């Protein structure tokens, strides 16, 4: 995995280790695409040294993950019931008279009479 960063003004593309934060003009690439990267004619590509193994999560990463989980758990559910309390079948039930109700990635369509 690598991050591609480019600067139009300098006609330069930089391929290096995965970025730790999002920036404009940055794209994460898989190993296959990072290895076969080509740039437009007249551009320069700088390939930075890549670590032999991906970095292991540190204490800051684990604390950030724990904080995110706590925050998500403390938010009230939108419909008054939590996701875990709903049965699997209730996600497919539509209110009476509702056409094309959207539940997650599924859409309920009633058969025409």
PDB file of N, CA and C in Angstrom:
ATOM      1  N   UNK A   1       0.833  -1.165   0.000  1.00  0.00           N
ATOM      2  CA  UNK A   1       0.000   0.000   0.000  1.00  0.00           C
ATOM      3  C   UNK A   1       0.887   1.241   0.000  1.00  0.00           C
ATOM      4  N   UNK A   2       0.448   2.255  -0.715  1.00  0.00           N
ATOM      5  CA  UNK A   2       1.215   3.499  -0.802  1.00  0.00           C
ATOM      6  C   UNK A   2       0.248   4.653  -1.034  1.00  0.00           C
ATOM      7  N   UNK A   3       0.730   5.852  -0.776  1.00  0.00           N
ATOM      8  CA  UNK A   3      -0.068   7.047  -1.046  1.00  0.00           C
ATOM      9  C   UNK A   3       0.581   7.812  -2.187  1.00  0.00           C
ATOM     10  N   UNK A   4      -0.237   8.183  -3.164  1.00  0.00           N
ATOM     11  CA  UNK A   4       0.198   8.987  -4.296  1.00  0.00           C
ATOM     12  C   UNK A   4      -0.215  10.425  -4.030  1.00  0.00           C
ATOM     13  N   UNK A   5       0.746  11.324  -4.085  1.00  0.00           N
ATOM     14  CA  UNK A   5       0.495  12.754  -3.939  1.00  0.00           C
ATOM     15  C   UNK A   5       1.046  13.421  -5.181  1.00  0.00           C
ATOM     16  N   UNK A   6       0.329  14.408  -5.700  1.00  0.00           N
ATOM     17  CA  UNK A   6       0.843  15.088  -6.884  1.00  0.00           C
ATOM     18  C   UNK A   6       0.671  16.589  -6.751  1.00  0.00           C
ATOM     19  N   UNK A   7       1.556  17.300  -7.459  1.00  0.00           N
ATOM     20  CA  UNK A   7       1.513  18.761  -7.480  1.00  0.00           C
ATOM     21  C   UNK A   7       1.579  19.179  -8.940  1.00  0.00           C
ATOM     22  N   UNK A   8       0.464  19.702  -9.451  1.00  0.00           N
ATOM     23  CA  UNK A   8       0.422  20.111 -10.850  1.00  0.00           C
ATOM     24  C   UNK A   8       1.465  21.183 -11.161  1.00  0.00           C
ATOM     25  N   UNK A   9       1.623  22.157 -10.277  1.00  0.00           N
ATOM     26  CA  UNK A   9       2.529  23.281 -10.546  1.00  0.00           C
ATOM     27  C   UNK A   9       3.961  22.806 -10.771  1.00  0.00           C
ATOM     28  N   UNK A  10       4.365  21.730 -10.093  1.00  0.00           N
ATOM     29  CA  UNK A  10       5.727  21.212 -10.236  1.00  0.00           C
ATOM     30  C   UNK A  10       5.816  20.031 -11.186  1.00  0.00           C
ATOM     31  N   UNK A  11       4.699  19.580 -11.738  1.00  0.00           N
ATOM     32  CA  UNK A  11       4.653  18.383 -12.594  1.00  0.00           C
ATOM     33  C   UNK A  11       5.361  17.223 -11.904  1.00  0.00           C
ATOM     34  N   UNK A  12       4.984  17.005 -10.650  1.00  0.00           N
ATOM     35  CA  UNK A  12       5.635  15.979  -9.837  1.00  0.00           C
ATOM     36  C   UNK A  12       4.584  15.100  -9.163  1.00  0.00           C
ATOM     37  N   UNK A  13       4.851  13.803  -9.142  1.00  0.00           N
ATOM     38  CA  UNK A  13       4.048  12.839  -8.403  1.00  0.00           C
ATOM     39  C   UNK A  13       4.964  12.171  -7.394  1.00  0.00           C
ATOM     40  N   UNK A  14       4.494  12.035  -6.161  1.00  0.00           N
ATOM     41  CA  UNK A  14       5.291  11.404  -5.104  1.00  0.00           C
ATOM     42  C   UNK A  14       4.547  10.169  -4.638  1.00  0.00           C
ATOM     43  N   UNK A  15       5.250   9.035  -4.634  1.00  0.00           N
ATOM     44  CA  UNK A  15       4.692   7.771  -4.181  1.00  0.00           C
ATOM     45  C   UNK A  15       5.437   7.381  -2.919  1.00  0.00           C
ATOM     46  N   UNK A  16       4.727   7.290  -1.806  1.00  0.00           N
ATOM     47  CA  UNK A  16       5.393   6.999  -0.537  1.00  0.00           C
ATOM     48  C   UNK A  16       4.516   6.186   0.379  1.00  0.00           C
ATOM     49  N   UNK A  17       4.925   6.066   1.639  1.00  0.00           N
ATOM     50  CA  UNK A  17       4.146   5.302   2.618  1.00  0.00           C
ATOM     51  C   UNK A  17       2.744   5.884   2.784  1.00  0.00           C
ATOM     52  N   UNK A  18       1.831   5.066   3.290  1.00  0.00           N
ATOM     53  CA  UNK A  18       0.455   5.516   3.494  1.00  0.00           C
ATOM     54  C   UNK A  18       0.423   6.775   4.350  1.00  0.00           C
ATOM     55  N   UNK A  19      -0.373   7.735   3.916  1.00  0.00           N
ATOM     56  CA  UNK A  19      -0.517   8.984   4.656  1.00  0.00           C
ATOM     57  C   UNK A  19      -1.327   8.734   5.922  1.00  0.00           C
ATOM     58  N   UNK A  20      -1.031   9.492   6.958  1.00  0.00           N
ATOM     59  CA  UNK A  20      -1.757   9.332   8.217  1.00  0.00           C
ATOM     60  C   UNK A  20      -2.954  10.263   8.303  1.00  0.00           C
ATOM     61  N   UNK A  21      -3.085  11.188   7.366  1.00  0.00           N
ATOM     62  CA  UNK A  21      -4.234  12.094   7.336  1.00  0.00           C
ATOM     63  C   UNK A  21      -4.553  12.425   5.891  1.00  0.00           C
ATOM     64  N   UNK A  22      -5.806  12.831   5.652  1.00  0.00           N
ATOM     65  CA  UNK A  22      -6.259  13.115   4.291  1.00  0.00           C
ATOM     66  C   UNK A  22      -5.800  14.498   3.848  1.00  0.00           C
ATOM     67  N   UNK A  23      -5.405  14.584   2.598  1.00  0.00           N
ATOM     68  CA  UNK A  23      -5.008  15.853   1.989  1.00  0.00           C
ATOM     69  C   UNK A  23      -5.602  15.908   0.589  1.00  0.00           C
ATOM     70  N   UNK A  24      -5.818  17.113   0.074  1.00  0.00           N
ATOM     71  CA  UNK A  24      -6.250  17.197  -1.322  1.00  0.00           C
ATOM     72  C   UNK A  24      -5.136  16.652  -2.225  1.00  0.00           C
ATOM     73  N   UNK A  25      -5.504  16.063  -3.311  1.00  0.00           N
ATOM     74  CA  UNK A  25      -4.552  15.514  -4.283  1.00  0.00           C
ATOM     75  C   UNK A  25      -3.750  14.347  -3.716  1.00  0.00           C
ATOM     76  N   UNK A  26      -4.326  13.567  -2.809  1.00  0.00           N
ATOM     77  CA  UNK A  26      -3.700  12.357  -2.263  1.00  0.00           C
ATOM     78  C   UNK A  26      -4.609  11.169  -2.548  1.00  0.00           C
ATOM     79  N   UNK A  27      -4.008  10.073  -2.958  1.00  0.00           N
ATOM     80  CA  UNK A  27      -4.771   8.862  -3.235  1.00  0.00           C
ATOM     81  C   UNK A  27      -4.007   7.660  -2.708  1.00  0.00           C
ATOM     82  N   UNK A  28      -4.698   6.770  -1.998  1.00  0.00           N
ATOM     83  CA  UNK A  28      -4.087   5.534  -1.521  1.00  0.00           C
ATOM     84  C   UNK A  28      -4.186   4.492  -2.622  1.00  0.00           C
ATOM     85  N   UNK A  29      -3.083   3.786  -2.859  1.00  0.00           N
ATOM     86  CA  UNK A  29      -3.016   2.772  -3.915  1.00  0.00           C
ATOM     87  C   UNK A  29      -2.652   1.422  -3.325  1.00  0.00           C
ATOM     88  N   UNK A  30      -3.156   0.361  -3.923  1.00  0.00           N
ATOM     89  CA  UNK A  30      -2.750  -0.986  -3.527  1.00  0.00           C
ATOM     90  C   UNK A  30      -1.337  -1.235  -4.058  1.00  0.00           C
ATOM     91  N   UNK A  31      -0.727  -2.322  -3.609  1.00  0.00           N
ATOM     92  CA  UNK A  31       0.649  -2.626  -3.997  1.00  0.00           C
ATOM     93  C   UNK A  31       0.792  -2.799  -5.510  1.00  0.00           C
ATOM     94  N   UNK A  32      -0.188  -3.442  -6.158  1.00  0.00           N
ATOM     95  CA  UNK A  32      -0.120  -3.663  -7.601  1.00  0.00           C
ATOM     96  C   UNK A  32      -0.117  -2.336  -8.361  1.00  0.00           C
ATOM     97  N   UNK A  33      -1.019  -1.428  -8.018  1.00  0.00           N
ATOM     98  CA  UNK A  33      -1.098  -0.160  -8.725  1.00  0.00           C
ATOM     99  C   UNK A  33       0.075   0.763  -8.369  1.00  0.00           C
ATOM    100  N   UNK A  34       0.554   0.685  -7.143  1.00  0.00           N
ATOM    101  CA  UNK A  34       1.721   1.482  -6.760  1.00  0.00           C
ATOM    102  C   UNK A  34       2.948   1.030  -7.544  1.00  0.00           C
ATOM    103  N   UNK A  35       3.066  -0.275  -7.770  1.00  0.00           N
ATOM    104  CA  UNK A  35       4.216  -0.804  -8.506  1.00  0.00           C
ATOM    105  C   UNK A  35       4.179  -0.506  -9.991  1.00  0.00           C
ATOM    106  N   UNK A  36       2.976  -0.334 -10.559  1.00  0.00           N
ATOM    107  CA  UNK A  36       2.866  -0.107 -11.999  1.00  0.00           C
ATOM    108  C   UNK A  36       2.533   1.345 -12.342  1.00  0.00           C
ATOM    109  N   UNK A  37       2.724   2.259 -11.394  1.00  0.00           N
ATOM    110  CA  UNK A  37       2.385   3.664 -11.608  1.00  0.00           C
ATOM    111  C   UNK A  37       3.220   4.282 -12.726  1.00  0.00           C
ATOM    112  N   UNK A  38       2.559   4.969 -13.628  1.00  0.00           N
ATOM    113  CA  UNK A  38       3.247   5.775 -14.640  1.00  0.00           C
ATOM    114  C   UNK A  38       2.685   7.190 -14.551  1.00  0.00           C
ATOM    115  N   UNK A  39       3.475   8.156 -14.970  1.00  0.00           N
ATOM    116  CA  UNK A  39       3.049   9.558 -14.919  1.00  0.00           C
ATOM    117  C   UNK A  39       3.069  10.129 -16.329  1.00  0.00           C
ATOM    118  N   UNK A  40       2.379  11.234 -16.545  1.00  0.00           N
ATOM    119  CA  UNK A  40       2.365  11.841 -17.883  1.00  0.00           C
ATOM    120  C   UNK A  40       3.764  12.250 -18.343  1.00  0.00           C
ATOM    121  N   UNK A  41       3.947  12.315 -19.659  1.00  0.00           N
ATOM    122  CA  UNK A  41       5.216  12.736 -20.235  1.00  0.00           C
ATOM    123  C   UNK A  41       5.573  14.131 -19.699  1.00  0.00           C
ATOM    124  N   UNK A  42       6.822  14.300 -19.288  1.00  0.00           N
ATOM    125  CA  UNK A  42       7.276  15.574 -18.759  1.00  0.00           C
ATOM    126  C   UNK A  42       7.150  15.680 -17.246  1.00  0.00           C
ATOM    127  N   UNK A  43       6.482  14.725 -16.627  1.00  0.00           N
ATOM    128  CA  UNK A  43       6.335  14.718 -15.182  1.00  0.00           C
ATOM    129  C   UNK A  43       7.461  13.913 -14.549  1.00  0.00           C
ATOM    130  N   UNK A  44       7.731  14.196 -13.297  1.00  0.00           N
ATOM    131  CA  UNK A  44       8.727  13.454 -12.540  1.00  0.00           C
ATOM    132  C   UNK A  44       8.001  12.673 -11.458  1.00  0.00           C
ATOM    133  N   UNK A  45       8.417  11.437 -11.226  1.00  0.00           N
ATOM    134  CA  UNK A  45       7.844  10.645 -10.149  1.00  0.00           C
ATOM    135  C   UNK A  45       8.935  10.384  -9.116  1.00  0.00           C
ATOM    136  N   UNK A  46       8.645  10.698  -7.878  1.00  0.00           N
ATOM    137  CA  UNK A  46       9.572  10.436  -6.777  1.00  0.00           C
ATOM    138  C   UNK A  46       9.016   9.264  -5.984  1.00  0.00           C
ATOM    139  N   UNK A  47       9.817   8.218  -5.866  1.00  0.00           N
ATOM    140  CA  UNK A  47       9.398   7.040  -5.104  1.00  0.00           C
ATOM    141  C   UNK A  47      10.164   7.042  -3.789  1.00  0.00           C
ATOM    142  N   UNK A  48       9.451   7.296  -2.706  1.00  0.00           N
ATOM    143  CA  UNK A  48      10.064   7.321  -1.382  1.00  0.00           C
ATOM    144  C   UNK A  48      10.238   5.901  -0.873  1.00  0.00           C
ATOM    145  N   UNK A  49      11.180   5.726   0.045  1.00  0.00           N
ATOM    146  CA  UNK A  49      11.423   4.410   0.627  1.00  0.00           C
ATOM    147  C   UNK A  49      10.171   3.932   1.351  1.00  0.00           C
ATOM    148  N   UNK A  50       9.806   2.710   1.068  1.00  0.00           N
ATOM    149  CA  UNK A  50       8.607   2.125   1.670  1.00  0.00           C
ATOM    150  C   UNK A  50       9.023   1.220   2.823  1.00  0.00           C
ATOM    151  N   UNK A  51       8.271   1.221   3.929  1.00  0.00           N
ATOM    152  CA  UNK A  51       8.602   0.312   5.030  1.00  0.00           C
ATOM    153  C   UNK A  51       8.376  -1.138   4.595  1.00  0.00           C
ATOM    154  N   UNK A  52       9.195  -2.040   5.129  1.00  0.00           N
ATOM    155  CA  UNK A  52       9.061  -3.448   4.745  1.00  0.00           C
ATOM    156  C   UNK A  52       7.794  -4.063   5.327  1.00  0.00           C
ATOM    157  N   UNK A  53       7.329  -3.559   6.473  1.00  0.00           N
ATOM    158  CA  UNK A  53       6.095  -4.040   7.075  1.00  0.00           C
ATOM    159  C   UNK A  53       5.219  -2.850   7.418  1.00  0.00           C
ATOM    160  N   UNK A  54       3.902  -3.025   7.339  1.00  0.00           N
ATOM    161  CA  UNK A  54       3.025  -1.910   7.704  1.00  0.00           C
ATOM    162  C   UNK A  54       3.212  -1.552   9.175  1.00  0.00           C
ATOM    163  N   UNK A  55       3.071  -0.282   9.520  1.00  0.00           N
ATOM    164  CA  UNK A  55       3.241   0.114  10.913  1.00  0.00           C
ATOM    165  C   UNK A  55       2.164  -0.509  11.802  1.00  0.00           C
ATOM    166  N   UNK A  56       2.564  -0.897  12.982  1.00  0.00           N
ATOM    167  CA  UNK A  56       1.636  -1.477  13.945  1.00  0.00           C
ATOM    168  C   UNK A  56       0.895  -0.357  14.663  1.00  0.00           C
ATOM    169  N   UNK A  57      -0.352  -0.609  15.060  1.00  0.00           N
ATOM    170  CA  UNK A  57      -1.090   0.429  15.770  1.00  0.00           C
ATOM    171  C   UNK A  57      -0.383   0.771  17.078  1.00  0.00           C
ATOM    172  N   UNK A  58      -0.308   2.045  17.358  1.00  0.00           N
ATOM    173  CA  UNK A  58       0.311   2.510  18.589  1.00  0.00           C
ATOM    174  C   UNK A  58      -0.746   2.836  19.631  1.00  0.00           C
ATOM    175  N   UNK A  59      -0.309   3.297  20.792  1.00  0.00           N
ATOM    176  CA  UNK A  59      -1.257   3.617  21.860  1.00  0.00           C
ATOM    177  C   UNK A  59      -2.232   4.726  21.452  1.00  0.00           C
ATOM    178  N   UNK A  60      -1.774   5.699  20.674  1.00  0.00           N
ATOM    179  CA  UNK A  60      -2.666   6.773  20.234  1.00  0.00           C
ATOM    180  C   UNK A  60      -3.762   6.242  19.327  1.00  0.00           C
ATOM    181  N   UNK A  61      -3.418   5.294  18.443  1.00  0.00           N
ATOM    182  CA  UNK A  61      -4.410   4.699  17.547  1.00  0.00           C
ATOM    183  C   UNK A  61      -5.468   3.941  18.337  1.00  0.00           C
ATOM    184  N   UNK A  62      -5.024   3.178  19.328  1.00  0.00           N
ATOM    185  CA  UNK A  62      -5.963   2.390  20.124  1.00  0.00           C
ATOM    186  C   UNK A  62      -6.870   3.294  20.963  1.00  0.00           C
ATOM    187  N   UNK A  63      -6.319   4.375  21.509  1.00  0.00           N
ATOM    188  CA  UNK A  63      -7.143   5.308  22.277  1.00  0.00           C
ATOM    189  C   UNK A  63      -8.168   6.001  21.383  1.00  0.00           C
ATOM    190  N   UNK A  64      -7.767   6.376  20.180  1.00  0.00           N
ATOM    191  CA  UNK A  64      -8.695   7.013  19.245  1.00  0.00           C
ATOM    192  C   UNK A  64      -9.821   6.056  18.875  1.00  0.00           C
ATOM    193  N   UNK A  65      -9.497   4.784  18.665  1.00  0.00           N
ATOM    194  CA  UNK A  65     -10.521   3.789  18.360  1.00  0.00           C
ATOM    195  C   UNK A  65     -11.475   3.617  19.530  1.00  0.00           C
ATOM    196  N   UNK A  66     -10.946   3.525  20.748  1.00  0.00           N
ATOM    197  CA  UNK A  66     -11.791   3.379  21.932  1.00  0.00           C
ATOM    198  C   UNK A  66     -12.701   4.595  22.099  1.00  0.00           C
ATOM    199  N   UNK A  67     -12.177   5.800  21.881  1.00  0.00           N
ATOM    200  CA  UNK A  67     -12.992   7.018  21.980  1.00  0.00           C
ATOM    201  C   UNK A  67     -14.117   7.015  20.951  1.00  0.00           C
ATOM    202  N   UNK A  68     -13.818   6.581  19.732  1.00  0.00           N
ATOM    203  CA  UNK A  68     -14.830   6.542  18.673  1.00  0.00           C
ATOM    204  C   UNK A  68     -15.931   5.549  19.018  1.00  0.00           C
ATOM    205  N   UNK A  69     -15.574   4.404  19.588  1.00  0.00           N
ATOM    206  CA  UNK A  69     -16.570   3.402  19.969  1.00  0.00           C
ATOM    207  C   UNK A  69     -17.442   3.944  21.094  1.00  0.00           C
ATOM    208  N   UNK A  70     -16.823   4.589  22.098  1.00  0.00           N
ATOM    209  CA  UNK A  70     -17.595   5.173  23.201  1.00  0.00           C
ATOM    210  C   UNK A  70     -18.566   6.236  22.696  1.00  0.00           C
ATOM    211  N   UNK A  71     -18.090   7.077  21.785  1.00  0.00           N
ATOM    212  CA  UNK A  71     -18.935   8.145  21.240  1.00  0.00           C
ATOM    213  C   UNK A  71     -20.121   7.558  20.480  1.00  0.00           C
ATOM    214  N   UNK A  72     -19.867   6.547  19.657  1.00  0.00           N
ATOM    215  CA  UNK A  72     -20.948   5.924  18.888  1.00  0.00           C
ATOM    216  C   UNK A  72     -21.952   5.242  19.808  1.00  0.00           C
ATOM    217  N   UNK A  73     -21.478   4.644  20.886  1.00  0.00           N
ATOM    218  CA  UNK A  73     -22.371   3.947  21.812  1.00  0.00           C
ATOM    219  C   UNK A  73     -23.229   4.921  22.613  1.00  0.00           C
ATOM    220  N   UNK A  74     -22.732   6.128  22.827  1.00  0.00           N
ATOM    221  CA  UNK A  74     -23.485   7.093  23.639  1.00  0.00           C
ATOM    222  C   UNK A  74     -24.506   7.875  22.835  1.00  0.00           C
ATOM    223  N   UNK A  75     -24.446   7.810  21.503  1.00  0.00           N
ATOM    224  CA  UNK A  75     -25.419   8.515  20.663  1.00  0.00           C
ATOM    225  C   UNK A  75     -26.756   7.807  20.717  1.00  0.00           C
ATOM    226  N   UNK A  76     -27.858   8.562  20.864  1.00  0.00           N
ATOM    227  CA  UNK A  76     -29.173   7.904  20.843  1.00  0.00           C
ATOM    228  C   UNK A  76     -29.499   7.427  19.433  1.00  0.00           C
ATOM    229  N   UNK A  77     -30.232   6.336  19.354  1.00  0.00           N
ATOM    230  CA  UNK A  77     -30.634   5.799  18.049  1.00  0.00           C
ATOM    231  C   UNK A  77     -31.661   6.745  17.428  1.00  0.00           C
ATOM    232  N   UNK A  78     -31.658   6.852  16.123  1.00  0.00           N
ATOM    233  CA  UNK A  78     -32.538   7.784  15.412  1.00  0.00           C
ATOM    234  C   UNK A  78     -34.013   7.445  15.600  1.00  0.00           C
ATOM    235  N   UNK A  79     -34.355   6.163  15.642  1.00  0.00           N
ATOM    236  CA  UNK A  79     -35.764   5.788  15.723  1.00  0.00           C
ATOM    237  C   UNK A  79     -36.204   5.447  17.138  1.00  0.00           C
ATOM    238  N   UNK A  80     -35.342   5.655  18.120  1.00  0.00           N
ATOM    239  CA  UNK A  80     -35.723   5.374  19.498  1.00  0.00           C
ATOM    240  C   UNK A  80     -35.346   3.978  19.953  1.00  0.00           C
ATOM    241  N   UNK A  81     -35.009   3.074  19.032  1.00  0.00           N
ATOM    242  CA  UNK A  81     -34.541   1.748  19.407  1.00  0.00           C
ATOM    243  C   UNK A  81     -33.160   1.560  18.830  1.00  0.00           C
ATOM    244  N   UNK A  82     -32.351   0.820  19.536  1.00  0.00           N
ATOM    245  CA  UNK A  82     -30.997   0.609  19.042  1.00  0.00           C
ATOM    246  C   UNK A  82     -30.999  -0.459  17.964  1.00  0.00           C
ATOM    247  N   UNK A  83     -29.951  -0.470  17.165  1.00  0.00           N
ATOM    248  CA  UNK A  83     -29.822  -1.416  16.060  1.00  0.00           C
ATOM    249  C   UNK A  83     -29.859  -2.844  16.590  1.00  0.00           C
ATOM    250  N   UNK A  84     -29.253  -3.100  17.748  1.00  0.00           N
ATOM    251  CA  UNK A  84     -29.202  -4.442  18.298  1.00  0.00           C
ATOM    252  C   UNK A  84     -30.551  -4.934  18.784  1.00  0.00           C
ATOM    253  N   UNK A  85     -31.497  -4.041  19.146  1.00  0.00           N
ATOM    254  CA  UNK A  85     -32.786  -4.449  19.659  1.00  0.00           C
ATOM    255  C   UNK A  85     -33.750  -4.825  18.546  1.00  0.00           C
ATOM    256  N   UNK A  86     -33.501  -4.371  17.343  1.00  0.00           N
ATOM    257  CA  UNK A  86     -34.412  -4.674  16.234  1.00  0.00           C
ATOM    258  C   UNK A  86     -34.157  -6.083  15.738  1.00  0.00           C
ATOM    259  N   UNK A  87     -35.211  -6.756  15.366  1.00  0.00           N
ATOM    260  CA  UNK A  87     -35.058  -8.078  14.767  1.00  0.00           C
ATOM    261  C   UNK A  87     -34.641  -7.939  13.314  1.00  0.00           C
ATOM    262  N   UNK A  88     -34.097  -8.998  12.740  1.00  0.00           N
ATOM    263  CA  UNK A  88     -33.656  -8.954  11.347  1.00  0.00           C
ATOM    264  C   UNK A  88     -34.837  -8.732  10.415  1.00  0.00           C
ATOM    265  N   UNK A  89     -36.018  -9.283  10.761  1.00  0.00           N
ATOM    266  CA  UNK A  89     -37.176  -9.137   9.886  1.00  0.00           C
ATOM    267  C   UNK A  89     -37.733  -7.719   9.905  1.00  0.00           C
ATOM    268  N   UNK A  90     -37.558  -6.980  11.008  1.00  0.00           N
ATOM    269  CA  UNK A  90     -38.149  -5.644  11.086  1.00  0.00           C
ATOM    270  C   UNK A  90     -37.489  -4.665  10.129  1.00  0.00           C
ATOM    271  N   UNK A  91     -36.265  -4.938   9.711  1.00  0.00           N
ATOM    272  CA  UNK A  91     -35.586  -4.048   8.769  1.00  0.00           C
ATOM    273  C   UNK A  91     -36.255  -4.097   7.404  1.00  0.00           C
ATOM    274  N   UNK A  92     -37.025  -5.168   7.139  1.00  0.00           N
ATOM    275  CA  UNK A  92     -37.658  -5.307   5.834  1.00  0.00           C
ATOM    276  C   UNK A  92     -39.122  -4.889   5.846  1.00  0.00           C
ATOM    277  N   UNK A  93     -39.667  -4.609   7.020  1.00  0.00           N
ATOM    278  CA  UNK A  93     -41.069  -4.227   7.105  1.00  0.00           C
ATOM    279  C   UNK A  93     -41.215  -2.746   6.791  1.00  0.00           C
ATOM    280  N   UNK A  94     -42.206  -2.423   6.013  1.00  0.00           N
ATOM    281  CA  UNK A  94     -42.460  -1.024   5.655  1.00  0.00           C
ATOM    282  C   UNK A  94     -43.731  -0.552   6.339  1.00  0.00           C
ATOM    283  N   UNK A  95     -43.806   0.740   6.657  1.00  0.00           N
ATOM    284  CA  UNK A  95     -45.046   1.267   7.207  1.00  0.00           C
ATOM    285  C   UNK A  95     -46.183   1.083   6.203  1.00  0.00           C
ATOM    286  N   UNK A  96     -47.394   0.973   6.694  1.00  0.00           N
ATOM    287  CA  UNK A  96     -48.549   0.770   5.819  1.00  0.00           C
ATOM    288  C   UNK A  96     -48.651   1.912   4.818  1.00  0.00           C
ATOM    289  N   UNK A  97     -48.844   1.569   3.547  1.00  0.00           N
ATOM    290  CA  UNK A  97     -49.008   2.574   2.499  1.00  0.00           C
ATOM    291  C   UNK A  97     -47.707   3.152   1.983  1.00  0.00           C
ATOM    292  N   UNK A  98     -46.570   2.718   2.497  1.00  0.00           N
ATOM    293  CA  UNK A  98     -45.290   3.288   2.050  1.00  0.00           C
ATOM    294  C   UNK A  98     -44.844   2.596   0.773  1.00  0.00           C
ATOM    295  N   UNK A  99     -44.460   3.367  -0.211  1.00  0.00           N
ATOM    296  CA  UNK A  99     -43.942   2.835  -1.471  1.00  0.00           C
ATOM    297  C   UNK A  99     -42.464   3.137  -1.570  1.00  0.00           C
ATOM    298  N   UNK A 100     -41.674   2.164  -1.913  1.00  0.00           N
ATOM    299  CA  UNK A 100     -40.242   2.387  -2.137  1.00  0.00           C
ATOM    300  C   UNK A 100     -39.522   2.855  -0.885  1.00  0.00           C
ATOM    301  N   UNK A 101     -39.900   2.339   0.270  1.00  0.00           N
ATOM    302  CA  UNK A 101     -39.247   2.729   1.515  1.00  0.00           C
ATOM    303  C   UNK A 101     -37.827   2.200   1.512  1.00  0.00           C
ATOM    304  N   UNK A 102     -36.909   3.034   1.911  1.00  0.00           N
ATOM    305  CA  UNK A 102     -35.502   2.642   1.902  1.00  0.00           C
ATOM    306  C   UNK A 102     -35.050   2.301   3.309  1.00  0.00           C
ATOM    307  N   UNK A 103     -34.479   1.133   3.493  1.00  0.00           N
ATOM    308  CA  UNK A 103     -33.939   0.659   4.762  1.00  0.00           C
ATOM    309  C   UNK A 103     -32.506   0.208   4.511  1.00  0.00           C
ATOM    310  N   UNK A 104     -31.534   1.039   4.851  1.00  0.00           N
ATOM    311  CA  UNK A 104     -30.144   0.681   4.580  1.00  0.00           C
ATOM    312  C   UNK A 104     -29.920   0.618   3.090  1.00  0.00           C
ATOM    313  N   UNK A 105     -29.393  -0.481   2.602  1.00  0.00           N
ATOM    314  CA  UNK A 105     -29.137  -0.623   1.170  1.00  0.00           C
ATOM    315  C   UNK A 105     -30.273  -1.359   0.454  1.00  0.00           C
ATOM    316  N   UNK A 106     -31.328  -1.707   1.196  1.00  0.00           N
ATOM    317  CA  UNK A 106     -32.444  -2.420   0.596  1.00  0.00           C
ATOM    318  C   UNK A 106     -33.600  -1.465   0.334  1.00  0.00           C
ATOM    319  N   UNK A 107     -34.397  -1.753  -0.668  1.00  0.00           N
ATOM    320  CA  UNK A 107     -35.580  -0.956  -0.982  1.00  0.00           C
ATOM    321  C   UNK A 107     -36.771  -1.892  -1.065  1.00  0.00           C
ATOM    322  N   UNK A 108     -37.858  -1.534  -0.390  1.00  0.00           N
ATOM    323  CA  UNK A 108     -39.064  -2.357  -0.391  1.00  0.00           C
ATOM    324  C   UNK A 108     -39.999  -1.826  -1.466  1.00  0.00           C
ATOM    325  N   UNK A 109     -40.365  -2.697  -2.374  1.00  0.00           N
ATOM    326  CA  UNK A 109     -41.310  -2.338  -3.432  1.00  0.00           C
ATOM    327  C   UNK A 109     -42.535  -3.210  -3.304  1.00  0.00           C
ATOM    328  N   UNK A 110     -43.680  -2.590  -3.303  1.00  0.00           N
ATOM    329  CA  UNK A 110     -44.933  -3.338  -3.222  1.00  0.00           C
ATOM    330  C   UNK A 110     -45.325  -3.797  -4.626  1.00  0.00           C
ATOM    331  N   UNK A 111     -45.877  -4.978  -4.697  1.00  0.00           N
ATOM    332  CA  UNK A 111     -46.341  -5.505  -5.979  1.00  0.00           C
ATOM    333  C   UNK A 111     -47.608  -4.766  -6.371  1.00  0.00           C
ATOM    334  N   UNK A 112     -47.706  -4.299  -7.624  1.00  0.00           N
ATOM    335  CA  UNK A 112     -48.911  -3.582  -8.042  1.00  0.00           C
ATOM    336  C   UNK A 112     -50.148  -4.463  -7.930  1.00  0.00           C
ATOM    337  N   UNK A 113     -51.271  -3.857  -7.550  1.00  0.00           N
ATOM    338  CA  UNK A 113     -52.530  -4.606  -7.369  1.00  0.00           C
ATOM    339  C   UNK A 113     -53.119  -4.987  -8.695  1.00  0.00           C
TER     340      UNK A 113
END
